């Protein structure tokens, strides 16, 4: 039996410029390519998990502008149910300006737009969405109060909760951490959240606050988690050439959830997540670069 996923989060349109290097302040350089993609951590994760064969619902907002249909059409193209996506009046759809250099590294500026309107009242209006799901994924590109409210509803309904704490924020409210089953930060984010440089210490600190499991994304090095007070590193998969890392973390999150559903084992889930994200960085864009379930199975995962 397939398990249903609800993604509470952001929906953006990505404007991606490729260049040999990033410009210095005040400098103008010529790019090598430009594309417009579906983006937003919420939408990215919804598309990525849907492509891996899980029934997926999106809970979020787009603006009342010319970009809304592009966003909705793209989500629907990848079989993400948009019945719980609202159109927010007098605000634009969220957007991201992304620069990608020749090494596939990116720098991103996000404009929240309609994502900032994803409030508690909106979530309460769509409470029935939670009744459909066994898993909730959320991120920090919508108001933190809304993320916490969604986590509370999930806990009340015995739904597994997965949080991608990006953009990173320090959270002193221990109640928040008690609502998180799986926290999936990268190395920079976990340091920003905990103020600690040591990964093992950071993970233990968060678990002491109430998080059930913490998995840290380490880019090309793979990912790690804590077991019996030891840092366990699951190596990443080497790739011939990195084209674009945009959305790789979102793809990892989707692969991790898929792995937990399939294997009920954290190490196997991380291995699947590592493979999914390594697949995605070999193509341009986020959603279009994510692997399908068939592509994962074809390569023995």
C-alpha atoms as a PDB file:
ATOM      1  CA  UNK A   1       0.000   0.000   0.000  1.00  0.00           C
ATOM      2  CA  UNK A   2       1.365   3.413  -0.980  1.00  0.00           C
ATOM      3  CA  UNK A   3       1.635   6.071   1.712  1.00  0.00           C
ATOM      4  CA  UNK A   4       0.330   9.571   0.990  1.00  0.00           C
ATOM      5  CA  UNK A   5       2.449  12.705   1.318  1.00  0.00           C
ATOM      6  CA  UNK A   6       1.288  16.227   2.185  1.00  0.00           C
ATOM      7  CA  UNK A   7       3.748  19.023   1.475  1.00  0.00           C
ATOM      8  CA  UNK A   8       3.145  22.271   3.353  1.00  0.00           C
ATOM      9  CA  UNK A   9       5.409  24.890   1.876  1.00  0.00           C
ATOM     10  CA  UNK A  10       6.527  27.339  -0.739  1.00  0.00           C
ATOM     11  CA  UNK A  11       5.750  27.577  -4.436  1.00  0.00           C
ATOM     12  CA  UNK A  12       8.140  29.700  -6.492  1.00  0.00           C
ATOM     13  CA  UNK A  13       9.150  30.396 -10.035  1.00  0.00           C
ATOM     14  CA  UNK A  14      12.933  30.147 -10.487  1.00  0.00           C
ATOM     15  CA  UNK A  15      14.794  32.512 -12.813  1.00  0.00           C
ATOM     16  CA  UNK A  16      18.107  30.743 -13.369  1.00  0.00           C
ATOM     17  CA  UNK A  17      21.156  32.335 -14.987  1.00  0.00           C
ATOM     18  CA  UNK A  18      24.212  30.213 -15.751  1.00  0.00           C
ATOM     19  CA  UNK A  19      27.646  31.849 -15.886  1.00  0.00           C
ATOM     20  CA  UNK A  20      31.295  30.847 -15.605  1.00  0.00           C
ATOM     21  CA  UNK A  21      31.534  32.601 -12.251  1.00  0.00           C
ATOM     22  CA  UNK A  22      29.536  34.813  -9.915  1.00  0.00           C
ATOM     23  CA  UNK A  23      29.824  38.589 -10.489  1.00  0.00           C
ATOM     24  CA  UNK A  24      31.600  40.722  -7.916  1.00  0.00           C
ATOM     25  CA  UNK A  25      29.643  43.598  -6.310  1.00  0.00           C
ATOM     26  CA  UNK A  26      29.094  46.294  -8.939  1.00  0.00           C
ATOM     27  CA  UNK A  27      30.274  44.057 -11.762  1.00  0.00           C
ATOM     28  CA  UNK A  28      28.317  43.040 -14.892  1.00  0.00           C
ATOM     29  CA  UNK A  29      29.219  39.779 -16.615  1.00  0.00           C
ATOM     30  CA  UNK A  30      27.712  37.802 -19.494  1.00  0.00           C
ATOM     31  CA  UNK A  31      25.831  34.613 -18.717  1.00  0.00           C
ATOM     32  CA  UNK A  32      26.104  31.378 -20.682  1.00  0.00           C
ATOM     33  CA  UNK A  33      22.447  30.290 -20.419  1.00  0.00           C
ATOM     34  CA  UNK A  34      19.100  31.274 -18.883  1.00  0.00           C
ATOM     35  CA  UNK A  35      15.959  29.302 -18.028  1.00  0.00           C
ATOM     36  CA  UNK A  36      12.722  29.655 -16.076  1.00  0.00           C
ATOM     37  CA  UNK A  37      11.777  26.672 -13.910  1.00  0.00           C
ATOM     38  CA  UNK A  38       9.235  25.643 -11.322  1.00  0.00           C
ATOM     39  CA  UNK A  39      10.784  26.137  -7.890  1.00  0.00           C
ATOM     40  CA  UNK A  40      10.229  26.718  -4.197  1.00  0.00           C
ATOM     41  CA  UNK A  41      11.330  24.148  -1.645  1.00  0.00           C
ATOM     42  CA  UNK A  42       7.761  23.054  -1.052  1.00  0.00           C
ATOM     43  CA  UNK A  43       6.878  22.574  -4.717  1.00  0.00           C
ATOM     44  CA  UNK A  44      10.275  21.005  -5.441  1.00  0.00           C
ATOM     45  CA  UNK A  45       9.809  18.422  -2.710  1.00  0.00           C
ATOM     46  CA  UNK A  46       6.237  17.718  -3.772  1.00  0.00           C
ATOM     47  CA  UNK A  47       7.312  17.113  -7.364  1.00  0.00           C
ATOM     48  CA  UNK A  48      10.345  15.052  -6.344  1.00  0.00           C
ATOM     49  CA  UNK A  49       8.350  12.712  -4.100  1.00  0.00           C
ATOM     50  CA  UNK A  50       5.540  12.438  -6.657  1.00  0.00           C
ATOM     51  CA  UNK A  51       8.057  11.442  -9.349  1.00  0.00           C
ATOM     52  CA  UNK A  52       9.213   8.681  -6.999  1.00  0.00           C
ATOM     53  CA  UNK A  53       5.735   7.185  -7.095  1.00  0.00           C
ATOM     54  CA  UNK A  54       4.120   8.531  -3.912  1.00  0.00           C
ATOM     55  CA  UNK A  55       0.630  10.114  -4.009  1.00  0.00           C
ATOM     56  CA  UNK A  56       1.316  13.756  -3.160  1.00  0.00           C
ATOM     57  CA  UNK A  57      -0.763  16.815  -2.193  1.00  0.00           C
ATOM     58  CA  UNK A  58       0.532  20.403  -2.132  1.00  0.00           C
ATOM     59  CA  UNK A  59      -0.685  22.836   0.534  1.00  0.00           C
ATOM     60  CA  UNK A  60       0.377  26.390  -0.273  1.00  0.00           C
ATOM     61  CA  UNK A  61      -0.353  29.586  -2.173  1.00  0.00           C
ATOM     62  CA  UNK A  62       0.392  31.257  -5.489  1.00  0.00           C
ATOM     63  CA  UNK A  63      -0.210  34.902  -6.380  1.00  0.00           C
ATOM     64  CA  UNK A  64      -2.869  36.378  -8.623  1.00  0.00           C
ATOM     65  CA  UNK A  65      -0.491  37.031 -11.528  1.00  0.00           C
ATOM     66  CA  UNK A  66       0.628  35.617 -14.850  1.00  0.00           C
ATOM     67  CA  UNK A  67       2.971  33.139 -13.136  1.00  0.00           C
ATOM     68  CA  UNK A  68       0.317  31.278 -11.152  1.00  0.00           C
ATOM     69  CA  UNK A  69      -0.786  29.078 -14.057  1.00  0.00           C
ATOM     70  CA  UNK A  70       2.780  28.089 -14.857  1.00  0.00           C
ATOM     71  CA  UNK A  71       3.200  26.972 -11.242  1.00  0.00           C
ATOM     72  CA  UNK A  72      -0.096  25.098 -11.078  1.00  0.00           C
ATOM     73  CA  UNK A  73       0.343  23.469 -14.482  1.00  0.00           C
ATOM     74  CA  UNK A  74       3.812  22.243 -13.577  1.00  0.00           C
ATOM     75  CA  UNK A  75       2.687  20.724 -10.287  1.00  0.00           C
ATOM     76  CA  UNK A  76      -0.216  19.002 -12.028  1.00  0.00           C
ATOM     77  CA  UNK A  77       2.034  17.783 -14.859  1.00  0.00           C
ATOM     78  CA  UNK A  78       4.046  15.864 -12.274  1.00  0.00           C
ATOM     79  CA  UNK A  79       0.852  14.444 -10.716  1.00  0.00           C
ATOM     80  CA  UNK A  80       0.924  16.635  -7.604  1.00  0.00           C
ATOM     81  CA  UNK A  81      -2.634  17.278  -6.400  1.00  0.00           C
ATOM     82  CA  UNK A  82      -3.258  21.049  -6.217  1.00  0.00           C
ATOM     83  CA  UNK A  83      -6.728  21.000  -4.654  1.00  0.00           C
ATOM     84  CA  UNK A  84      -5.274  22.669  -1.546  1.00  0.00           C
ATOM     85  CA  UNK A  85      -3.357  25.404  -3.374  1.00  0.00           C
ATOM     86  CA  UNK A  86      -5.033  28.818  -3.069  1.00  0.00           C
ATOM     87  CA  UNK A  87      -4.614  31.975  -5.135  1.00  0.00           C
ATOM     88  CA  UNK A  88      -3.696  34.946  -2.939  1.00  0.00           C
ATOM     89  CA  UNK A  89      -4.996  38.306  -4.162  1.00  0.00           C
ATOM     90  CA  UNK A  90      -2.891  41.468  -4.551  1.00  0.00           C
ATOM     91  CA  UNK A  91       0.444  39.666  -4.251  1.00  0.00           C
ATOM     92  CA  UNK A  92       2.761  38.005  -6.736  1.00  0.00           C
ATOM     93  CA  UNK A  93       3.713  34.343  -6.909  1.00  0.00           C
ATOM     94  CA  UNK A  94       6.924  33.648  -4.993  1.00  0.00           C
ATOM     95  CA  UNK A  95      10.112  33.838  -7.031  1.00  0.00           C
ATOM     96  CA  UNK A  96      13.809  33.056  -6.803  1.00  0.00           C
ATOM     97  CA  UNK A  97      16.705  34.606  -8.690  1.00  0.00           C
ATOM     98  CA  UNK A  98      19.398  31.959  -9.009  1.00  0.00           C
ATOM     99  CA  UNK A  99      22.967  32.180 -10.282  1.00  0.00           C
ATOM    100  CA  UNK A 100      24.791  28.974 -11.191  1.00  0.00           C
ATOM    101  CA  UNK A 101      28.544  28.947 -11.848  1.00  0.00           C
ATOM    102  CA  UNK A 102      30.604  26.560 -13.982  1.00  0.00           C
ATOM    103  CA  UNK A 103      31.044  24.202 -11.000  1.00  0.00           C
ATOM    104  CA  UNK A 104      27.283  23.856 -10.557  1.00  0.00           C
ATOM    105  CA  UNK A 105      27.313  25.897  -7.341  1.00  0.00           C
ATOM    106  CA  UNK A 106      24.460  28.344  -6.836  1.00  0.00           C
ATOM    107  CA  UNK A 107      23.589  31.582  -5.076  1.00  0.00           C
ATOM    108  CA  UNK A 108      19.906  32.351  -4.512  1.00  0.00           C
ATOM    109  CA  UNK A 109      17.763  35.350  -3.585  1.00  0.00           C
ATOM    110  CA  UNK A 110      14.165  34.465  -2.697  1.00  0.00           C
ATOM    111  CA  UNK A 111      11.144  36.786  -2.806  1.00  0.00           C
ATOM    112  CA  UNK A 112       8.377  35.142  -0.702  1.00  0.00           C
ATOM    113  CA  UNK A 113       5.355  36.723  -2.430  1.00  0.00           C
ATOM    114  CA  UNK A 114       2.242  34.602  -1.811  1.00  0.00           C
ATOM    115  CA  UNK A 115       4.236  32.168   0.339  1.00  0.00           C
ATOM    116  CA  UNK A 116       4.205  34.761   3.127  1.00  0.00           C
ATOM    117  CA  UNK A 117       0.392  34.539   3.098  1.00  0.00           C
ATOM    118  CA  UNK A 118       0.363  30.841   4.037  1.00  0.00           C
ATOM    119  CA  UNK A 119      -1.041  31.502   7.504  1.00  0.00           C
ATOM    120  CA  UNK A 120      -2.695  29.570  10.315  1.00  0.00           C
ATOM    121  CA  UNK A 121      -6.198  30.515   9.134  1.00  0.00           C
ATOM    122  CA  UNK A 122      -5.406  29.125   5.672  1.00  0.00           C
ATOM    123  CA  UNK A 123      -4.088  25.884   7.162  1.00  0.00           C
ATOM    124  CA  UNK A 124      -7.152  25.468   9.366  1.00  0.00           C
ATOM    125  CA  UNK A 125      -9.368  25.966   6.330  1.00  0.00           C
ATOM    126  CA  UNK A 126      -7.566  23.044   4.697  1.00  0.00           C
ATOM    127  CA  UNK A 127      -7.346  20.696   7.684  1.00  0.00           C
ATOM    128  CA  UNK A 128      -8.928  17.916   5.654  1.00  0.00           C
ATOM    129  CA  UNK A 129      -5.686  17.737   3.652  1.00  0.00           C
ATOM    130  CA  UNK A 130      -4.007  16.253   6.733  1.00  0.00           C
ATOM    131  CA  UNK A 131      -6.585  13.477   6.917  1.00  0.00           C
ATOM    132  CA  UNK A 132      -5.311  12.180   3.561  1.00  0.00           C
ATOM    133  CA  UNK A 133      -1.677  11.876   4.584  1.00  0.00           C
ATOM    134  CA  UNK A 134       0.699   9.579   6.440  1.00  0.00           C
ATOM    135  CA  UNK A 135       3.657  11.967   5.998  1.00  0.00           C
ATOM    136  CA  UNK A 136       4.019  15.756   6.232  1.00  0.00           C
ATOM    137  CA  UNK A 137       6.954  17.601   4.661  1.00  0.00           C
ATOM    138  CA  UNK A 138       7.569  21.262   5.417  1.00  0.00           C
ATOM    139  CA  UNK A 139      10.305  23.915   5.157  1.00  0.00           C
ATOM    140  CA  UNK A 140      11.047  27.444   6.367  1.00  0.00           C
ATOM    141  CA  UNK A 141      10.053  29.368   3.218  1.00  0.00           C
ATOM    142  CA  UNK A 142       6.611  30.006   4.714  1.00  0.00           C
ATOM    143  CA  UNK A 143       5.958  31.654   8.128  1.00  0.00           C
ATOM    144  CA  UNK A 144       7.450  29.610  10.964  1.00  0.00           C
ATOM    145  CA  UNK A 145       4.211  29.910  12.950  1.00  0.00           C
ATOM    146  CA  UNK A 146       2.421  28.171  10.088  1.00  0.00           C
ATOM    147  CA  UNK A 147       4.984  25.388   9.941  1.00  0.00           C
ATOM    148  CA  UNK A 148       4.530  24.786  13.669  1.00  0.00           C
ATOM    149  CA  UNK A 149       0.755  24.798  13.354  1.00  0.00           C
ATOM    150  CA  UNK A 150       0.964  22.243  10.549  1.00  0.00           C
ATOM    151  CA  UNK A 151       3.252  20.070  12.669  1.00  0.00           C
ATOM    152  CA  UNK A 152       0.758  20.198  15.553  1.00  0.00           C
ATOM    153  CA  UNK A 153      -2.086  19.053  13.319  1.00  0.00           C
ATOM    154  CA  UNK A 154       0.130  16.300  11.949  1.00  0.00           C
ATOM    155  CA  UNK A 155       1.009  15.113  15.445  1.00  0.00           C
ATOM    156  CA  UNK A 156      -2.695  15.082  16.403  1.00  0.00           C
ATOM    157  CA  UNK A 157      -3.340  12.821  13.412  1.00  0.00           C
ATOM    158  CA  UNK A 158      -0.336  10.494  13.905  1.00  0.00           C
ATOM    159  CA  UNK A 159       1.389  11.731  10.745  1.00  0.00           C
ATOM    160  CA  UNK A 160       5.159  11.402  10.385  1.00  0.00           C
ATOM    161  CA  UNK A 161       6.761  14.856  10.188  1.00  0.00           C
ATOM    162  CA  UNK A 162       9.785  15.836   8.099  1.00  0.00           C
ATOM    163  CA  UNK A 163      11.237  19.352   8.280  1.00  0.00           C
ATOM    164  CA  UNK A 164      13.814  20.961   6.013  1.00  0.00           C
ATOM    165  CA  UNK A 165      15.005  23.941   8.132  1.00  0.00           C
ATOM    166  CA  UNK A 166      15.891  26.226   5.238  1.00  0.00           C
ATOM    167  CA  UNK A 167      16.419  29.118   5.240  1.00  0.00           C
ATOM    168  CA  UNK A 168      17.877  28.358   8.684  1.00  0.00           C
ATOM    169  CA  UNK A 169      16.427  30.060  11.758  1.00  0.00           C
ATOM    170  CA  UNK A 170      17.266  29.746  15.435  1.00  0.00           C
ATOM    171  CA  UNK A 171      14.285  28.351  17.328  1.00  0.00           C
ATOM    172  CA  UNK A 172      14.157  28.522  21.106  1.00  0.00           C
ATOM    173  CA  UNK A 173      10.686  26.988  21.391  1.00  0.00           C
ATOM    174  CA  UNK A 174      11.280  23.366  22.439  1.00  0.00           C
ATOM    175  CA  UNK A 175       7.678  22.520  21.606  1.00  0.00           C
ATOM    176  CA  UNK A 176       8.586  23.002  17.952  1.00  0.00           C
ATOM    177  CA  UNK A 177      11.400  20.445  18.074  1.00  0.00           C
ATOM    178  CA  UNK A 178       9.189  17.921  19.876  1.00  0.00           C
ATOM    179  CA  UNK A 179       6.909  17.922  16.832  1.00  0.00           C
ATOM    180  CA  UNK A 180       9.683  16.932  14.386  1.00  0.00           C
ATOM    181  CA  UNK A 181      10.294  13.265  13.577  1.00  0.00           C
ATOM    182  CA  UNK A 182      12.992  13.857  10.962  1.00  0.00           C
ATOM    183  CA  UNK A 183      15.020  17.070  10.613  1.00  0.00           C
ATOM    184  CA  UNK A 184      17.016  17.322   7.377  1.00  0.00           C
ATOM    185  CA  UNK A 185      19.398  20.322   7.461  1.00  0.00           C
ATOM    186  CA  UNK A 186      22.626  20.741   5.511  1.00  0.00           C
ATOM    187  CA  UNK A 187      25.973  21.388   7.213  1.00  0.00           C
ATOM    188  CA  UNK A 188      25.612  25.170   7.173  1.00  0.00           C
ATOM    189  CA  UNK A 189      22.008  25.165   8.362  1.00  0.00           C
ATOM    190  CA  UNK A 190      22.604  22.939  11.375  1.00  0.00           C
ATOM    191  CA  UNK A 191      25.494  25.167  12.475  1.00  0.00           C
ATOM    192  CA  UNK A 192      23.301  28.256  12.109  1.00  0.00           C
ATOM    193  CA  UNK A 193      20.513  26.616  14.129  1.00  0.00           C
ATOM    194  CA  UNK A 194      22.649  25.273  16.974  1.00  0.00           C
ATOM    195  CA  UNK A 195      25.611  27.664  16.972  1.00  0.00           C
ATOM    196  CA  UNK A 196      27.921  24.631  17.119  1.00  0.00           C
ATOM    197  CA  UNK A 197      30.609  23.749  14.564  1.00  0.00           C
ATOM    198  CA  UNK A 198      30.863  20.053  15.404  1.00  0.00           C
ATOM    199  CA  UNK A 199      28.232  18.026  13.533  1.00  0.00           C
ATOM    200  CA  UNK A 200      27.865  15.307  16.149  1.00  0.00           C
ATOM    201  CA  UNK A 201      27.434  17.861  18.921  1.00  0.00           C
ATOM    202  CA  UNK A 202      24.876  19.731  16.802  1.00  0.00           C
ATOM    203  CA  UNK A 203      22.854  16.609  16.108  1.00  0.00           C
ATOM    204  CA  UNK A 204      22.866  15.521  19.756  1.00  0.00           C
ATOM    205  CA  UNK A 205      21.844  19.026  20.864  1.00  0.00           C
ATOM    206  CA  UNK A 206      18.811  18.952  18.561  1.00  0.00           C
ATOM    207  CA  UNK A 207      17.838  15.438  19.615  1.00  0.00           C
ATOM    208  CA  UNK A 208      18.079  16.550  23.241  1.00  0.00           C
ATOM    209  CA  UNK A 209      15.591  19.308  22.379  1.00  0.00           C
ATOM    210  CA  UNK A 210      13.108  16.707  21.142  1.00  0.00           C
ATOM    211  CA  UNK A 211      13.836  15.968  17.471  1.00  0.00           C
ATOM    212  CA  UNK A 212      13.527  12.206  16.903  1.00  0.00           C
ATOM    213  CA  UNK A 213      16.151  11.899  14.129  1.00  0.00           C
ATOM    214  CA  UNK A 214      18.518  14.376  12.466  1.00  0.00           C
ATOM    215  CA  UNK A 215      20.064  13.685   9.062  1.00  0.00           C
ATOM    216  CA  UNK A 216      22.636  16.202   7.829  1.00  0.00           C
ATOM    217  CA  UNK A 217      23.117  16.694   4.088  1.00  0.00           C
ATOM    218  CA  UNK A 218      26.820  17.020   3.248  1.00  0.00           C
ATOM    219  CA  UNK A 219      26.765  17.591  -0.513  1.00  0.00           C
ATOM    220  CA  UNK A 220      29.259  15.428  -2.431  1.00  0.00           C
ATOM    221  CA  UNK A 221      30.338  13.789   0.840  1.00  0.00           C
ATOM    222  CA  UNK A 222      26.882  12.250   1.311  1.00  0.00           C
ATOM    223  CA  UNK A 223      24.949  12.559   4.563  1.00  0.00           C
ATOM    224  CA  UNK A 224      25.303  11.670   8.225  1.00  0.00           C
ATOM    225  CA  UNK A 225      23.304  10.927  11.349  1.00  0.00           C
ATOM    226  CA  UNK A 226      23.948   9.982  14.980  1.00  0.00           C
ATOM    227  CA  UNK A 227      23.807   6.445  16.318  1.00  0.00           C
ATOM    228  CA  UNK A 228      24.977   5.423  19.798  1.00  0.00           C
ATOM    229  CA  UNK A 229      26.772   8.762  20.226  1.00  0.00           C
ATOM    230  CA  UNK A 230      28.772   8.228  17.038  1.00  0.00           C
ATOM    231  CA  UNK A 231      28.578  10.108  13.745  1.00  0.00           C
ATOM    232  CA  UNK A 232      27.615   7.706  10.975  1.00  0.00           C
ATOM    233  CA  UNK A 233      28.486   8.968   7.487  1.00  0.00           C
ATOM    234  CA  UNK A 234      26.746   7.460   4.462  1.00  0.00           C
ATOM    235  CA  UNK A 235      28.946   8.369   1.451  1.00  0.00           C
ATOM    236  CA  UNK A 236      27.494  10.111  -1.575  1.00  0.00           C
ATOM    237  CA  UNK A 237      27.574   8.798  -5.135  1.00  0.00           C
ATOM    238  CA  UNK A 238      30.320  10.246  -7.359  1.00  0.00           C
ATOM    239  CA  UNK A 239      29.187  11.865 -10.597  1.00  0.00           C
ATOM    240  CA  UNK A 240      31.173  12.576 -13.759  1.00  0.00           C
ATOM    241  CA  UNK A 241      30.123  16.222 -13.925  1.00  0.00           C
ATOM    242  CA  UNK A 242      28.045  18.535 -11.753  1.00  0.00           C
ATOM    243  CA  UNK A 243      25.767  20.707 -13.893  1.00  0.00           C
ATOM    244  CA  UNK A 244      23.380  22.371 -11.408  1.00  0.00           C
ATOM    245  CA  UNK A 245      22.912  21.755  -7.682  1.00  0.00           C
ATOM    246  CA  UNK A 246      19.624  23.706  -7.519  1.00  0.00           C
ATOM    247  CA  UNK A 247      17.024  21.553  -5.776  1.00  0.00           C
ATOM    248  CA  UNK A 248      19.473  18.785  -4.849  1.00  0.00           C
ATOM    249  CA  UNK A 249      18.580  19.098  -1.163  1.00  0.00           C
ATOM    250  CA  UNK A 250      14.872  18.933  -1.982  1.00  0.00           C
ATOM    251  CA  UNK A 251      15.489  15.816  -4.062  1.00  0.00           C
ATOM    252  CA  UNK A 252      17.405  14.311  -1.130  1.00  0.00           C
ATOM    253  CA  UNK A 253      14.443  14.924   1.185  1.00  0.00           C
ATOM    254  CA  UNK A 254      12.073  13.213  -1.231  1.00  0.00           C
ATOM    255  CA  UNK A 255      14.417  10.270  -1.635  1.00  0.00           C
ATOM    256  CA  UNK A 256      14.734   9.964   2.135  1.00  0.00           C
ATOM    257  CA  UNK A 257      10.965   9.842   2.651  1.00  0.00           C
ATOM    258  CA  UNK A 258      10.608   7.325  -0.184  1.00  0.00           C
ATOM    259  CA  UNK A 259      13.340   5.230   1.421  1.00  0.00           C
ATOM    260  CA  UNK A 260      11.701   5.318   4.847  1.00  0.00           C
ATOM    261  CA  UNK A 261       8.391   4.254   3.322  1.00  0.00           C
ATOM    262  CA  UNK A 262      10.011   1.413   1.390  1.00  0.00           C
ATOM    263  CA  UNK A 263      12.610   0.155   3.872  1.00  0.00           C
ATOM    264  CA  UNK A 264      11.717   1.544   7.347  1.00  0.00           C
ATOM    265  CA  UNK A 265      15.486   1.863   7.807  1.00  0.00           C
ATOM    266  CA  UNK A 266      17.357   5.153   8.164  1.00  0.00           C
ATOM    267  CA  UNK A 267      20.618   4.049   6.516  1.00  0.00           C
ATOM    268  CA  UNK A 268      18.856   2.558   3.504  1.00  0.00           C
ATOM    269  CA  UNK A 269      16.736   5.692   3.250  1.00  0.00           C
ATOM    270  CA  UNK A 270      19.844   7.901   3.262  1.00  0.00           C
ATOM    271  CA  UNK A 271      21.467   5.781   0.554  1.00  0.00           C
ATOM    272  CA  UNK A 272      18.402   6.195  -1.646  1.00  0.00           C
ATOM    273  CA  UNK A 273      18.349   9.925  -0.899  1.00  0.00           C
ATOM    274  CA  UNK A 274      22.041  10.250  -1.773  1.00  0.00           C
ATOM    275  CA  UNK A 275      21.475   8.517  -5.087  1.00  0.00           C
ATOM    276  CA  UNK A 276      18.423  10.614  -5.960  1.00  0.00           C
ATOM    277  CA  UNK A 277      20.234  13.886  -5.268  1.00  0.00           C
ATOM    278  CA  UNK A 278      23.354  12.784  -7.178  1.00  0.00           C
ATOM    279  CA  UNK A 279      21.116  12.026 -10.157  1.00  0.00           C
ATOM    280  CA  UNK A 280      19.518  15.471 -10.056  1.00  0.00           C
ATOM    281  CA  UNK A 281      22.745  17.511 -10.078  1.00  0.00           C
ATOM    282  CA  UNK A 282      23.694  16.130 -13.480  1.00  0.00           C
ATOM    283  CA  UNK A 283      20.925  18.132 -15.205  1.00  0.00           C
ATOM    284  CA  UNK A 284      19.821  21.763 -15.264  1.00  0.00           C
ATOM    285  CA  UNK A 285      16.893  22.932 -13.163  1.00  0.00           C
ATOM    286  CA  UNK A 286      15.154  21.451 -10.155  1.00  0.00           C
ATOM    287  CA  UNK A 287      11.888  19.643 -10.898  1.00  0.00           C
ATOM    288  CA  UNK A 288      12.861  18.466 -14.377  1.00  0.00           C
ATOM    289  CA  UNK A 289      16.125  17.030 -13.061  1.00  0.00           C
ATOM    290  CA  UNK A 290      14.589  14.837 -10.339  1.00  0.00           C
ATOM    291  CA  UNK A 291      14.609  11.067 -11.020  1.00  0.00           C
ATOM    292  CA  UNK A 292      11.476   9.006 -11.483  1.00  0.00           C
ATOM    293  CA  UNK A 293      10.778   5.793  -9.612  1.00  0.00           C
ATOM    294  CA  UNK A 294      11.652   3.831 -12.759  1.00  0.00           C
ATOM    295  CA  UNK A 295      14.994   5.590 -13.074  1.00  0.00           C
ATOM    296  CA  UNK A 296      15.807   4.775  -9.457  1.00  0.00           C
ATOM    297  CA  UNK A 297      14.845   1.111  -9.859  1.00  0.00           C
ATOM    298  CA  UNK A 298      16.736   0.869 -13.167  1.00  0.00           C
ATOM    299  CA  UNK A 299      19.927   1.621 -11.277  1.00  0.00           C
ATOM    300  CA  UNK A 300      19.368  -0.913  -8.548  1.00  0.00           C
ATOM    301  CA  UNK A 301      17.942   1.296  -5.805  1.00  0.00           C
END
